[in-house]
N, C-alpha and C. Protein backbone atom coordinates (compact mmCIF):
# COMPACT_ATOMS: atom_id res chain seq x y z
N MET A 1 1.08 -1.13 0.00
CA MET A 1 -0.12 0.00 0.03
C MET A 1 0.73 1.32 0.37
N CYS A 2 2.24 1.30 0.58
CA CYS A 2 3.00 2.57 0.93
C CYS A 2 3.33 2.87 -0.25
N VAL A 3 3.94 1.56 -1.01
CA VAL A 3 4.55 1.57 -2.58
C VAL A 3 3.71 2.05 -3.30
N CYS A 4 2.57 1.64 -3.43
CA CYS A 4 1.53 2.01 -4.41
C CYS A 4 1.21 3.67 -3.76
N GLY A 5 1.09 3.98 -2.90
CA GLY A 5 0.61 5.57 -2.37
C GLY A 5 1.68 6.51 -2.96
N HIS A 6 2.77 6.07 -2.90
CA HIS A 6 3.93 7.07 -3.51
C HIS A 6 3.71 7.03 -4.65
N LEU A 7 3.29 5.95 -5.42
CA LEU A 7 3.93 6.32 -6.71
C LEU A 7 2.76 6.89 -6.99
N PHE A 8 1.20 7.15 -6.82
CA PHE A 8 0.11 8.10 -7.14
C PHE A 8 0.57 9.22 -6.86
N GLU A 9 1.06 9.35 -6.02
CA GLU A 9 1.84 10.59 -5.28
C GLU A 9 2.42 11.01 -6.51
N THR A 10 3.16 10.43 -6.88
CA THR A 10 4.67 11.17 -7.21
C THR A 10 4.35 11.23 -8.88
N PHE A 11 2.68 10.34 -9.64
CA PHE A 11 2.24 10.32 -10.49
C PHE A 11 1.58 11.82 -10.59
N ILE A 12 0.51 12.30 -9.48
CA ILE A 12 0.03 13.68 -9.39
C ILE A 12 0.91 14.34 -9.74
N ILE A 13 2.03 14.38 -8.69
CA ILE A 13 3.07 15.57 -8.90
C ILE A 13 3.52 15.68 -10.50
N ASN A 14 3.86 14.70 -10.68
CA ASN A 14 4.54 14.77 -12.16
C ASN A 14 3.71 15.32 -13.34
N LEU A 15 2.20 15.21 -13.02
CA LEU A 15 1.07 15.54 -13.94
C LEU A 15 0.84 17.14 -13.83
N CYS A 16 1.29 17.29 -12.34
CA CYS A 16 1.13 19.05 -12.01
C CYS A 16 2.26 19.44 -12.79
N PHE A 17 3.12 19.33 -12.61
CA PHE A 17 4.56 19.84 -13.15
C PHE A 17 4.26 19.94 -14.51
N HIS A 18 4.22 19.15 -15.28
CA HIS A 18 4.17 18.83 -16.98
C HIS A 18 2.80 19.84 -17.26
N ILE A 19 1.94 20.04 -16.41
CA ILE A 19 0.80 20.71 -16.59
C ILE A 19 1.23 22.11 -16.65
N LEU A 20 2.14 22.47 -15.50
CA LEU A 20 2.87 24.19 -14.97
C LEU A 20 4.06 24.35 -16.69
N LEU A 21 4.43 23.15 -17.23
CA LEU A 21 5.29 23.84 -18.01
C LEU A 21 4.84 24.15 -19.45
N PHE A 22 3.88 23.31 -19.72
CA PHE A 22 2.79 23.23 -20.70
C PHE A 22 2.37 24.82 -20.64
N GLN A 23 2.23 24.99 -19.69
CA GLN A 23 1.46 26.20 -19.32
C GLN A 23 2.32 27.52 -19.95
N SER A 24 3.56 27.49 -19.26
CA SER A 24 4.59 28.62 -19.40
C SER A 24 5.06 28.49 -21.13
N VAL A 25 5.27 27.26 -21.47
CA VAL A 25 5.56 27.16 -23.02
C VAL A 25 4.84 27.77 -23.72
N VAL A 26 3.32 27.43 -23.50
CA VAL A 26 2.62 27.90 -24.85
C VAL A 26 1.72 28.87 -24.56
N GLY A 27 1.91 29.16 -23.33
CA GLY A 27 0.28 30.46 -22.57
C GLY A 27 -0.57 30.24 -22.44
N TYR A 28 -0.68 28.83 -22.61
CA TYR A 28 -2.19 28.77 -22.13
C TYR A 28 -2.71 28.64 -20.67
N LYS A 29 -3.69 29.29 -20.32
CA LYS A 29 -3.98 29.75 -19.17
C LYS A 29 -5.22 28.94 -18.72
N GLU A 30 -6.36 28.66 -19.62
CA GLU A 30 -7.42 28.01 -19.17
C GLU A 30 -7.40 26.52 -19.32
N PHE A 31 -6.68 26.13 -18.54
CA PHE A 31 -6.33 24.65 -18.24
C PHE A 31 -7.47 24.60 -17.05
N TYR A 32 -8.15 22.89 -17.24
CA TYR A 32 -9.39 23.27 -16.31
C TYR A 32 -9.23 21.97 -15.55
N LEU A 33 -9.33 21.60 -14.11
CA LEU A 33 -9.03 20.96 -13.29
C LEU A 33 -10.53 20.69 -12.61
N PRO A 34 -11.15 19.49 -12.15
CA PRO A 34 -12.54 19.48 -11.95
C PRO A 34 -12.04 19.76 -10.58
N PRO A 35 -13.37 20.16 -9.56
CA PRO A 35 -12.59 20.60 -8.04
C PRO A 35 -12.37 19.26 -7.19
N PHE A 36 -12.79 18.07 -7.42
CA PHE A 36 -12.25 16.95 -6.90
C PHE A 36 -10.64 16.53 -6.91
N HIS A 37 -10.64 16.79 -8.10
CA HIS A 37 -8.75 16.87 -8.48
C HIS A 37 -8.14 17.86 -7.94
N ILE A 38 -8.80 18.85 -7.49
CA ILE A 38 -8.10 20.24 -6.89
C ILE A 38 -7.79 20.32 -5.35
N HIS A 39 -8.85 19.34 -5.06
CA HIS A 39 -8.77 19.12 -3.55
C HIS A 39 -7.46 18.36 -3.04
N ILE A 40 -7.32 17.21 -4.43
CA ILE A 40 -6.54 16.00 -4.46
C ILE A 40 -4.87 16.77 -4.61
N LEU A 41 -4.81 17.31 -5.46
CA LEU A 41 -3.48 18.34 -5.58
C LEU A 41 -3.08 19.22 -4.80
N LEU A 42 -4.11 19.83 -3.90
CA LEU A 42 -3.68 20.56 -2.97
C LEU A 42 -3.06 20.16 -1.52
N LEU A 43 -3.84 19.08 -0.87
CA LEU A 43 -3.36 18.06 -0.36
C LEU A 43 -2.01 17.60 -0.93
N LEU A 44 -1.58 16.81 -1.93
CA LEU A 44 -0.45 16.23 -2.18
C LEU A 44 0.05 16.72 -2.71
N VAL A 45 0.52 17.95 -3.72
CA VAL A 45 1.49 18.51 -4.42
C VAL A 45 2.38 20.20 -3.36
N THR A 46 1.34 20.62 -2.67
CA THR A 46 2.27 21.48 -1.14
C THR A 46 3.32 21.06 -0.52
N PRO A 47 2.59 19.60 0.50
CA PRO A 47 3.74 19.06 1.05
C PRO A 47 4.46 18.41 0.22
N LYS A 48 4.83 18.05 -0.81
CA LYS A 48 5.56 17.36 -1.68
C LYS A 48 6.80 18.84 -2.22
N VAL A 49 5.75 19.98 -2.47
CA VAL A 49 6.87 20.87 -3.22
C VAL A 49 7.83 21.17 -2.35
N THR A 50 7.41 21.24 -0.86
CA THR A 50 8.18 21.95 0.59
C THR A 50 9.29 20.49 1.10
N CYS A 51 8.69 19.70 0.92
CA CYS A 51 9.54 18.71 2.09
C CYS A 51 10.22 17.64 1.45
N ASP A 52 9.63 17.19 0.03
CA ASP A 52 10.18 15.87 -0.76
C ASP A 52 11.76 16.25 -1.01
N LYS A 53 12.58 15.58 -0.54
CA LYS A 53 14.62 16.05 -0.42
C LYS A 53 14.40 15.44 -2.18
N PHE A 54 13.85 14.32 -2.66
CA PHE A 54 14.13 13.69 -3.79
C PHE A 54 13.63 14.44 -5.01
N PHE A 55 12.67 15.20 -4.73
CA PHE A 55 11.96 16.05 -5.65
C PHE A 55 12.98 17.55 -5.44
N SER A 56 13.03 18.20 -4.29
CA SER A 56 13.51 19.45 -4.53
C SER A 56 15.08 19.31 -4.63
N GLN A 57 15.79 18.35 -3.90
CA GLN A 57 17.05 18.21 -4.45
C GLN A 57 17.60 17.85 -5.68
N LYS A 58 16.98 16.98 -6.45
CA LYS A 58 17.27 16.81 -7.71
C LYS A 58 16.50 17.25 -8.87
N SER A 59 15.36 18.08 -8.33
CA SER A 59 14.54 18.52 -9.71
C SER A 59 14.70 20.21 -9.60
N VAL A 60 15.17 20.92 -8.27
CA VAL A 60 15.23 22.23 -8.34
C VAL A 60 16.57 22.51 -7.96
N LYS A 61 17.01 21.93 -7.39
CA LYS A 61 18.82 22.08 -6.92
C LYS A 61 19.90 21.70 -7.63
N LYS A 62 19.31 20.95 -8.54
CA LYS A 62 20.24 20.76 -9.23
C LYS A 62 20.96 21.70 -10.44
N ASP A 63 19.98 22.59 -10.66
CA ASP A 63 19.91 23.84 -11.54
C ASP A 63 18.78 24.76 -11.45
N LYS A 64 18.92 25.39 -9.95
CA LYS A 64 18.03 26.58 -9.78
C LYS A 64 17.63 27.65 -10.49
N LYS A 65 18.21 28.04 -11.86
CA LYS A 65 17.36 29.18 -12.45
C LYS A 65 16.94 28.74 -13.37
N SER A 66 17.46 27.08 -14.22
CA SER A 66 16.58 27.22 -15.46
C SER A 66 16.63 25.70 -16.27
N SER A 67 15.70 24.92 -16.67
CA SER A 67 16.22 23.80 -17.06
C SER A 67 16.78 23.20 -18.37
N SER A 68 16.82 22.58 -18.57
CA SER A 68 17.60 22.16 -20.06
C SER A 68 16.89 22.99 -21.42
N LEU A 69 15.46 23.20 -20.82
CA LEU A 69 14.58 23.55 -21.77
C LEU A 69 14.49 25.35 -21.95
N GLY A 70 15.38 25.85 -20.78
CA GLY A 70 15.50 27.43 -20.55
C GLY A 70 13.96 27.76 -19.48
N ILE A 71 13.73 26.83 -18.96
CA ILE A 71 12.19 27.23 -18.18
C ILE A 71 12.59 27.27 -16.80
N ASN A 72 12.35 28.21 -15.75
CA ASN A 72 12.97 28.64 -14.53
C ASN A 72 12.04 27.32 -13.56
N LEU A 73 12.64 26.84 -13.02
CA LEU A 73 11.73 25.70 -12.15
C LEU A 73 11.32 26.11 -10.94
N GLU A 74 12.19 26.79 -10.35
CA GLU A 74 11.66 27.28 -8.80
C GLU A 74 10.44 28.29 -8.92
N SER A 75 10.38 28.80 -10.39
CA SER A 75 8.89 29.68 -10.49
C SER A 75 8.09 29.27 -11.37
N CYS A 76 8.48 28.04 -12.09
CA CYS A 76 7.27 26.96 -12.13
C CYS A 76 6.62 26.77 -10.96
N LEU A 77 7.42 26.11 -9.98
CA LEU A 77 6.77 25.65 -8.90
C LEU A 77 6.35 26.52 -8.10
N LYS A 78 6.28 27.44 -7.56
CA LYS A 78 5.91 28.67 -7.17
C LYS A 78 4.28 29.05 -8.01
N LYS A 79 4.67 29.18 -9.32
CA LYS A 79 3.17 29.67 -9.93
C LYS A 79 2.01 28.13 -10.02
N MET A 80 2.71 26.86 -9.96
CA MET A 80 2.13 25.74 -9.58
C MET A 80 1.25 25.93 -8.58
N THR A 81 1.93 25.86 -7.96
CA THR A 81 1.13 26.39 -6.04
C THR A 81 -0.03 27.33 -6.06
N GLU A 82 0.32 28.74 -6.64
CA GLU A 82 -0.69 29.74 -6.81
C GLU A 82 -1.68 29.54 -8.10
N THR A 83 -1.37 28.54 -8.95
CA THR A 83 -2.73 28.21 -9.51
C THR A 83 -3.52 27.63 -9.07
N LEU A 84 -2.85 26.35 -8.47
CA LEU A 84 -3.82 26.09 -8.12
C LEU A 84 -4.85 25.72 -6.85
N TYR A 85 -4.35 27.16 -6.21
CA TYR A 85 -4.99 27.31 -4.86
C TYR A 85 -5.79 28.61 -6.02
N ASP A 86 -5.40 29.28 -6.88
CA ASP A 86 -6.62 30.06 -7.40
C ASP A 86 -7.96 28.98 -8.14
N LEU A 87 -7.43 28.14 -8.56
CA LEU A 87 -8.57 27.33 -8.88
C LEU A 87 -9.23 26.97 -7.92
N TYR A 88 -8.62 26.56 -6.93
CA TYR A 88 -9.99 25.83 -5.66
C TYR A 88 -10.41 26.89 -5.20
N GLN A 89 -10.04 28.78 -5.40
CA GLN A 89 -11.07 29.26 -4.78
C GLN A 89 -12.46 29.45 -5.53
N VAL A 90 -11.55 29.55 -6.82
CA VAL A 90 -12.88 29.65 -7.91
C VAL A 90 -14.35 29.01 -7.84
N GLU A 91 -13.35 27.37 -7.52
CA GLU A 91 -14.35 26.52 -7.32
C GLU A 91 -15.41 26.50 -6.19
N GLU A 92 -14.64 26.87 -5.17
CA GLU A 92 -15.03 27.19 -4.04
C GLU A 92 -16.18 28.00 -3.76
N GLN A 93 -15.96 29.37 -4.74
CA GLN A 93 -16.91 30.54 -4.62
C GLN A 93 -18.23 30.08 -5.54
N LYS A 94 -17.92 29.06 -6.50
CA LYS A 94 -19.04 28.41 -7.42
C LYS A 94 -19.94 27.64 -6.29
N ARG A 95 -19.54 26.67 -5.56
CA ARG A 95 -19.47 26.34 -4.69
C ARG A 95 -21.05 27.01 -3.33
N ILE A 96 -20.02 27.65 -3.36
CA ILE A 96 -21.00 28.45 -2.29
C ILE A 96 -22.06 29.20 -2.62
N GLU A 97 -22.18 29.64 -3.90
CA GLU A 97 -23.22 30.52 -4.71
C GLU A 97 -24.35 29.41 -5.09
N SER A 98 -23.94 28.39 -5.69
CA SER A 98 -25.19 27.40 -5.88
C SER A 98 -25.86 26.54 -4.34
N ASP A 99 -25.01 26.54 -3.59
CA ASP A 99 -25.75 25.47 -2.22
C ASP A 99 -25.52 26.22 -1.13
N ILE A 100 -27.07 26.71 -0.77
CA ILE A 100 -27.25 27.85 0.20
C ILE A 100 -27.19 27.19 1.31
N ILE A 101 -27.14 25.62 1.82
CA ILE A 101 -26.66 24.96 2.77
C ILE A 101 -25.25 25.07 3.70
N TYR A 102 -24.75 24.75 2.26
CA TYR A 102 -23.37 24.68 2.51
C TYR A 102 -22.55 26.37 2.46
N ASN A 103 -23.61 27.56 1.95
CA ASN A 103 -23.07 28.64 2.30
C ASN A 103 -23.05 28.85 3.66
N ILE A 104 -23.96 28.58 4.01
CA ILE A 104 -24.59 28.99 5.64
C ILE A 104 -23.57 28.38 6.62
N LEU A 105 -22.86 27.07 6.18
CA LEU A 105 -22.23 26.38 7.20
C LEU A 105 -20.80 27.03 7.38
N ILE A 106 -20.61 27.71 6.12
CA ILE A 106 -18.95 27.79 5.78
C ILE A 106 -18.91 29.12 6.00
N SER A 107 -19.56 30.08 5.96
CA SER A 107 -19.92 31.46 6.04
C SER A 107 -19.71 32.10 7.65
N ARG A 108 -19.04 32.81 7.82
CA ARG A 108 -18.95 33.57 9.27
C ARG A 108 -19.90 34.68 9.35
N ASP A 109 -20.33 35.17 8.45
CA ASP A 109 -21.23 36.03 8.32
C ASP A 109 -22.39 35.37 8.42
N THR A 110 -23.26 35.49 9.04
CA THR A 110 -24.74 35.00 9.47
C THR A 110 -25.75 35.76 9.45
N THR A 111 -26.12 36.47 8.72
CA THR A 111 -26.76 37.32 8.11
C THR A 111 -27.77 36.52 7.16
N LEU A 112 -27.37 35.67 6.00
CA LEU A 112 -28.39 34.60 5.38
C LEU A 112 -28.75 33.52 6.47
N LEU A 113 -27.74 32.91 7.42
CA LEU A 113 -28.42 32.06 8.52
C LEU A 113 -29.43 32.83 9.46
N ASP A 114 -29.22 33.93 10.05
CA ASP A 114 -30.18 34.53 10.80
C ASP A 114 -32.07 34.18 10.03
N LYS A 115 -31.53 35.07 8.84
CA LYS A 115 -32.56 35.24 7.82
C LYS A 115 -33.31 33.67 8.13
N LEU A 116 -32.97 32.26 7.45
CA LEU A 116 -33.43 31.48 7.38
C LEU A 116 -33.77 30.87 8.80
N LEU A 117 -33.47 30.80 9.74
CA LEU A 117 -33.78 31.14 10.84
C LEU A 117 -35.65 31.41 11.36
N SER A 118 -35.27 33.04 11.15
CA SER A 118 -36.37 33.44 11.01
C SER A 118 -37.49 33.01 10.46
N GLU A 119 -37.11 32.53 9.12
CA GLU A 119 -38.12 31.91 8.31
C GLU A 119 -38.98 30.26 8.86
N ILE A 120 -37.63 29.50 9.65
CA ILE A 120 -38.18 28.31 10.40
C ILE A 120 -39.59 28.74 11.49
N LEU A 121 -38.81 29.83 12.04
CA LEU A 121 -39.12 30.33 13.41
C LEU A 121 -40.90 30.70 13.22
N SER A 122 -41.15 31.27 11.90
CA SER A 122 -42.24 32.04 11.79
C SER A 122 -42.78 30.88 11.22
N GLU A 123 -42.81 29.81 10.27
CA GLU A 123 -43.10 28.38 9.93
C GLU A 123 -43.72 27.82 11.32
N SER A 124 -42.68 27.73 12.11
CA SER A 124 -43.16 26.94 13.87
C SER A 124 -44.75 27.33 14.40
N LYS A 125 -44.31 28.69 13.94
CA LYS A 125 -45.35 29.31 15.30
C LYS A 125 -46.95 29.51 14.51
N GLN A 126 -47.10 29.04 12.95
CA GLN A 126 -47.98 29.21 12.66
C GLN A 126 -48.75 27.78 12.53
N SER A 127 -47.91 26.68 12.24
CA SER A 127 -48.05 25.66 12.52
C SER A 127 -48.19 24.86 13.81
N HIS A 128 -47.85 24.83 14.95
CA HIS A 128 -48.11 25.45 16.12
C HIS A 128 -48.36 25.91 17.01
N PRO A 129 -49.56 26.82 17.18
CA PRO A 129 -49.69 27.90 17.47
C PRO A 129 -49.98 27.89 19.21
N GLY A 130 -49.52 28.66 20.03
CA GLY A 130 -49.46 28.64 21.70
C GLY A 130 -48.16 28.11 22.45
N LEU A 131 -46.99 28.17 21.49
CA LEU A 131 -46.01 27.56 21.90
C LEU A 131 -45.44 28.44 23.14
N SER A 132 -44.20 27.86 23.95
CA SER A 132 -44.73 28.29 25.17
C SER A 132 -43.18 29.69 25.22
N LYS A 133 -43.62 30.45 26.52
CA LYS A 133 -42.50 31.44 26.10
C LYS A 133 -41.38 31.37 26.37
N ARG A 134 -41.62 29.80 27.01
CA ARG A 134 -39.58 29.35 27.04
C ARG A 134 -39.13 29.34 25.65
N PHE A 135 -40.08 28.50 24.47
CA PHE A 135 -39.38 28.58 23.44
C PHE A 135 -39.11 29.69 22.70
N ASP A 136 -39.94 30.76 22.73
CA ASP A 136 -39.65 32.22 22.64
C ASP A 136 -38.57 33.23 22.88
N GLN A 137 -37.85 32.45 24.29
CA GLN A 137 -36.89 32.53 24.88
C GLN A 137 -35.56 32.52 24.07
N ILE A 138 -36.01 31.27 24.24
CA ILE A 138 -34.61 30.18 23.69
C ILE A 138 -34.30 30.84 22.14
N THR A 139 -35.10 30.73 21.54
CA THR A 139 -34.92 30.62 20.08
C THR A 139 -34.32 32.34 19.44
N SER A 140 -35.37 33.47 20.20
CA SER A 140 -34.83 34.80 20.69
C SER A 140 -33.56 34.68 20.50
N ARG A 141 -32.71 34.02 21.93
CA ARG A 141 -31.52 34.23 22.19
C ARG A 141 -30.41 33.58 21.11
N CYS A 142 -31.10 32.85 20.54
CA CYS A 142 -30.02 31.79 20.08
C CYS A 142 -29.91 32.83 18.37
N LEU A 143 -30.77 33.47 18.29
CA LEU A 143 -30.70 34.54 17.02
C LEU A 143 -30.26 35.96 17.17
N SER A 144 -29.96 36.13 18.11
CA SER A 144 -29.26 37.72 18.95
C SER A 144 -28.06 37.04 19.16
N ASP A 145 -27.46 36.07 19.04
CA ASP A 145 -26.48 35.58 19.87
C ASP A 145 -25.35 35.21 18.56
N ASN A 146 -24.05 34.99 18.79
CA ASN A 146 -23.31 35.29 18.23
C ASN A 146 -22.59 33.56 17.83
N SER A 147 -22.97 32.66 18.12
CA SER A 147 -22.78 31.28 18.63
C SER A 147 -23.25 30.48 17.14
N ARG A 148 -22.19 30.45 16.36
CA ARG A 148 -22.44 29.52 15.21
C ARG A 148 -23.40 28.09 15.62
N VAL A 149 -22.54 27.76 16.68
CA VAL A 149 -23.28 26.33 16.72
C VAL A 149 -24.64 26.17 17.23
N ALA A 150 -24.94 26.94 18.00
CA ALA A 150 -26.33 26.99 18.63
C ALA A 150 -27.37 27.50 17.01
N LYS A 151 -27.38 28.17 16.29
CA LYS A 151 -27.93 28.81 14.93
C LYS A 151 -27.71 27.55 14.31
N HIS A 152 -26.66 26.79 13.95
CA HIS A 152 -26.68 25.73 12.86
C HIS A 152 -27.58 24.21 14.08
N GLY A 153 -27.80 24.56 15.01
CA GLY A 153 -28.54 23.38 15.60
C GLY A 153 -29.78 23.76 15.21
N LEU A 154 -30.06 25.04 15.40
CA LEU A 154 -31.61 25.30 14.89
C LEU A 154 -31.98 25.48 13.57
N PHE A 155 -31.36 25.47 13.02
CA PHE A 155 -31.16 25.26 11.60
C PHE A 155 -31.33 23.71 11.36
N PHE A 156 -30.80 22.77 11.51
CA PHE A 156 -30.98 21.42 11.21
C PHE A 156 -32.13 21.25 12.09
N PHE A 157 -32.59 21.43 13.49
CA PHE A 157 -33.55 20.86 14.04
C PHE A 157 -35.10 21.59 13.03
N GLY A 158 -34.94 22.55 12.52
CA GLY A 158 -35.76 23.33 11.74
C GLY A 158 -36.36 22.91 10.07
N LEU A 159 -34.80 22.48 9.73
CA LEU A 159 -35.24 21.81 8.76
C LEU A 159 -35.70 20.37 8.85
N TYR A 160 -35.62 19.26 9.68
CA TYR A 160 -35.92 18.31 10.08
C TYR A 160 -37.28 18.00 10.59
N LEU A 161 -37.54 19.04 11.58
CA LEU A 161 -38.59 19.17 12.07
C LEU A 161 -39.81 19.79 10.87
N CYS A 162 -39.86 20.86 10.23
CA CYS A 162 -40.65 21.65 9.36
C CYS A 162 -40.71 21.05 8.18
N PRO A 163 -41.44 20.13 7.48
CA PRO A 163 -41.76 19.86 6.07
C PRO A 163 -41.40 20.65 5.01
N LYS A 164 -42.44 21.80 5.39
CA LYS A 164 -42.70 23.08 4.50
C LYS A 164 -41.32 24.23 3.70
N PHE A 165 -40.81 24.27 5.28
CA PHE A 165 -39.50 24.77 5.22
C PHE A 165 -37.94 24.24 4.15
N ALA A 166 -38.30 22.82 4.61
CA ALA A 166 -37.49 21.61 3.75
C ALA A 166 -37.81 21.69 2.52
N GLU A 167 -38.82 21.65 1.92
CA GLU A 167 -39.69 21.84 0.34
C GLU A 167 -38.66 23.31 0.17
N SER A 168 -38.99 24.31 0.80
CA SER A 168 -38.68 25.51 -0.18
C SER A 168 -37.13 25.74 -0.50
N MET A 169 -36.12 24.67 0.13
CA MET A 169 -34.70 24.52 -0.44
C MET A 169 -35.04 23.94 -1.76
N VAL A 170 -35.68 23.09 -2.14
CA VAL A 170 -36.09 22.56 -3.60
C VAL A 170 -36.83 23.77 -4.60
N LYS A 171 -37.75 24.19 -3.97
CA LYS A 171 -39.03 24.69 -4.87
C LYS A 171 -39.11 26.10 -4.38
N PRO A 172 -39.56 27.02 -5.28
CA PRO A 172 -39.83 26.52 -6.55
C PRO A 172 -38.65 26.44 -7.40
N GLU A 173 -37.67 27.16 -6.95
CA GLU A 173 -36.37 26.63 -8.16
C GLU A 173 -35.19 26.48 -6.68
N PRO A 174 -34.36 25.00 -7.13
CA PRO A 174 -33.58 24.38 -6.50
C PRO A 174 -32.59 25.09 -5.70
N LYS A 175 -32.34 25.79 -4.40
CA LYS A 175 -31.22 26.42 -4.00
C LYS A 175 -29.88 25.84 -3.42
N LEU A 176 -29.90 24.64 -4.04
CA LEU A 176 -28.69 23.34 -4.02
C LEU A 176 -28.79 22.35 -4.89
N ASN A 177 -28.55 21.36 -4.72
CA ASN A 177 -28.40 20.47 -5.45
C ASN A 177 -29.04 19.45 -4.62
N PRO A 178 -30.46 19.12 -5.53
CA PRO A 178 -31.15 18.30 -5.36
C PRO A 178 -31.13 16.82 -4.72
N PHE A 179 -30.60 16.24 -5.59
CA PHE A 179 -29.51 15.00 -5.22
C PHE A 179 -29.29 14.97 -3.78
N LYS A 180 -28.40 16.05 -3.50
CA LYS A 180 -27.11 15.65 -2.78
C LYS A 180 -28.40 15.94 -1.54
N PHE A 181 -29.26 16.96 -1.33
CA PHE A 181 -30.12 17.23 -0.61
C PHE A 181 -30.97 16.11 -0.30
N LYS A 182 -32.06 15.27 -1.08
CA LYS A 182 -32.54 14.53 -0.68
C LYS A 182 -31.97 12.85 -0.10
N LYS A 183 -30.50 13.32 -0.32
CA LYS A 183 -29.97 12.10 0.58
C LYS A 183 -29.80 12.69 1.91
N PHE A 184 -29.48 13.65 1.70
CA PHE A 184 -28.79 14.20 2.94
C PHE A 184 -30.09 14.33 4.59
N TYR A 185 -31.27 14.87 3.80
CA TYR A 185 -32.63 14.75 4.03
C TYR A 185 -33.42 13.47 4.87
N GLU A 186 -33.40 12.47 3.84
CA GLU A 186 -33.66 11.22 4.21
C GLU A 186 -32.87 10.35 4.76
N THR A 187 -31.65 10.43 4.56
CA THR A 187 -30.49 9.58 5.39
C THR A 187 -29.79 10.24 6.56
N VAL A 188 -29.10 11.16 6.30
CA VAL A 188 -28.10 11.35 7.27
C VAL A 188 -28.86 12.49 8.78
N LEU A 189 -29.84 13.04 7.89
CA LEU A 189 -30.26 13.94 9.38
C LEU A 189 -31.38 12.41 10.28
N PRO A 190 -32.30 12.00 9.69
CA PRO A 190 -32.59 11.15 10.83
C PRO A 190 -31.47 10.14 11.59
N LYS A 191 -30.75 9.84 10.94
CA LYS A 191 -29.38 9.19 11.55
C LYS A 191 -29.10 9.85 12.77
N TYR A 192 -28.74 10.88 12.81
CA TYR A 192 -28.05 11.78 14.13
C TYR A 192 -28.97 12.31 14.52
N PHE A 193 -30.31 12.00 14.33
CA PHE A 193 -31.39 13.08 15.53
C PHE A 193 -31.72 11.47 15.92
N ASN A 194 -31.92 10.16 15.56
CA ASN A 194 -31.99 9.38 16.48
C ASN A 194 -30.91 9.26 17.59
N GLN A 195 -29.62 9.25 16.85
CA GLN A 195 -28.60 9.16 18.06
C GLN A 195 -28.58 10.30 19.10
N LEU A 196 -29.24 11.52 18.57
CA LEU A 196 -29.25 12.75 19.74
C LEU A 196 -30.18 12.29 20.83
N LEU A 197 -31.29 12.50 20.17
CA LEU A 197 -32.58 11.25 21.26
C LEU A 197 -32.35 10.29 21.91
N ASN A 198 -31.16 9.40 21.45
CA ASN A 198 -31.30 8.37 21.87
C ASN A 198 -30.16 8.22 22.78
N GLY A 199 -29.19 9.72 23.37
CA GLY A 199 -28.54 9.49 24.22
C GLY A 199 -27.18 8.82 23.26
N GLU A 200 -26.97 8.58 22.26
CA GLU A 200 -25.82 8.25 21.84
C GLU A 200 -24.82 9.35 21.58
N ILE A 201 -25.34 10.51 21.30
CA ILE A 201 -24.68 11.36 21.03
C ILE A 201 -25.70 12.49 21.99
N THR A 202 -24.46 12.78 23.01
CA THR A 202 -24.55 13.75 24.18
C THR A 202 -24.47 15.10 24.32
N SER A 203 -24.03 16.29 23.50
CA SER A 203 -24.00 17.38 23.22
C SER A 203 -24.57 17.98 22.27
N LEU A 204 -24.98 18.95 22.05
CA LEU A 204 -25.61 19.91 21.11
C LEU A 204 -24.35 20.24 19.83
N GLN A 205 -23.38 20.40 20.55
CA GLN A 205 -22.10 20.75 19.65
C GLN A 205 -21.35 19.64 18.93
N LYS A 206 -21.68 18.46 19.40
CA LYS A 206 -21.08 17.31 18.88
C LYS A 206 -21.97 16.54 17.86
N PHE A 207 -23.55 16.94 17.98
CA PHE A 207 -24.64 16.56 17.33
C PHE A 207 -24.18 17.45 15.42
N VAL A 208 -24.10 18.78 15.96
CA VAL A 208 -23.88 19.76 14.98
C VAL A 208 -22.05 19.60 14.14
N GLU A 209 -21.42 19.15 14.79
CA GLU A 209 -19.88 18.87 14.34
C GLU A 209 -20.29 17.57 13.20
N GLU A 210 -21.33 16.63 13.71
CA GLU A 210 -21.13 15.68 13.24
C GLU A 210 -21.80 15.69 11.72
N VAL A 211 -23.32 16.67 11.70
CA VAL A 211 -24.12 16.25 10.66
C VAL A 211 -23.50 18.08 9.56
N ARG A 212 -22.77 18.99 10.66
CA ARG A 212 -21.99 19.41 9.51
C ARG A 212 -20.89 18.97 8.41
N ALA A 213 -20.05 17.91 9.19
CA ALA A 213 -18.96 17.25 8.55
C ALA A 213 -19.82 16.67 7.42
N GLU A 214 -21.05 15.64 7.57
CA GLU A 214 -21.32 14.70 6.79
C GLU A 214 -21.62 15.72 5.25
N TYR A 215 -22.34 16.86 5.59
CA TYR A 215 -22.78 17.37 4.84
C TYR A 215 -22.07 18.19 3.56
N ILE A 216 -20.58 18.82 4.48
CA ILE A 216 -19.93 19.26 3.69
C ILE A 216 -18.95 18.50 2.83
N MET A 217 -18.82 17.32 3.69
CA MET A 217 -18.04 15.85 3.13
C MET A 217 -18.74 15.07 1.76
N CYS A 218 -19.57 15.03 1.95
CA CYS A 218 -20.64 14.85 0.61
C CYS A 218 -19.82 14.69 -0.31
N GLY A 219 -20.11 13.83 -1.09
CA GLY A 219 -19.39 13.49 -2.67
C GLY A 219 -19.97 13.84 -3.68
N ILE A 220 -21.36 13.79 -3.62
CA ILE A 220 -22.66 14.51 -4.64
C ILE A 220 -21.90 15.61 -5.07
């Protein structure tokens, strides 16, 4: 497994390096890499560029200024890293703009999250008139407080317990990937709510962390 892993890493590094060389020689700057590959390249290339003695000593230190083709290798390596991060930022922004739940889970600005929570509370009060004063106090405190854990917890509860609000995520126009949301809503949320109610998960923070991770890491 170690040998296979090393060979795979070497292949990825060489692929990236040759892409950069190709861009440097012909000036082609619109080479597209899918988001999944960008994540792999960021994880594998960055440590290798800085730490791998074989790669740095034999490929860079052998001739710090240029290769046999007259290309500055150090400049290419730097450009390669910068290009990967630029591609990652572009894809990350696209994901934030196309997925409202991912947006509120990632963003430190809670304006959109607070708006969605207000919609959940409005829907809950219409569906269940006569809710207690304690309910109003706790939910109002959640909205006014800065705790994103509490806000995300309330959002997940509202999403699971308010079918009309959940439906608004995909109708009339989808605010996220409908297939991903269906899997999340029908499989992930029930699983973790049952664990929370059965005592397998003993804190709201743990519950929120698990559900957030499931949604963010979903490969759909």
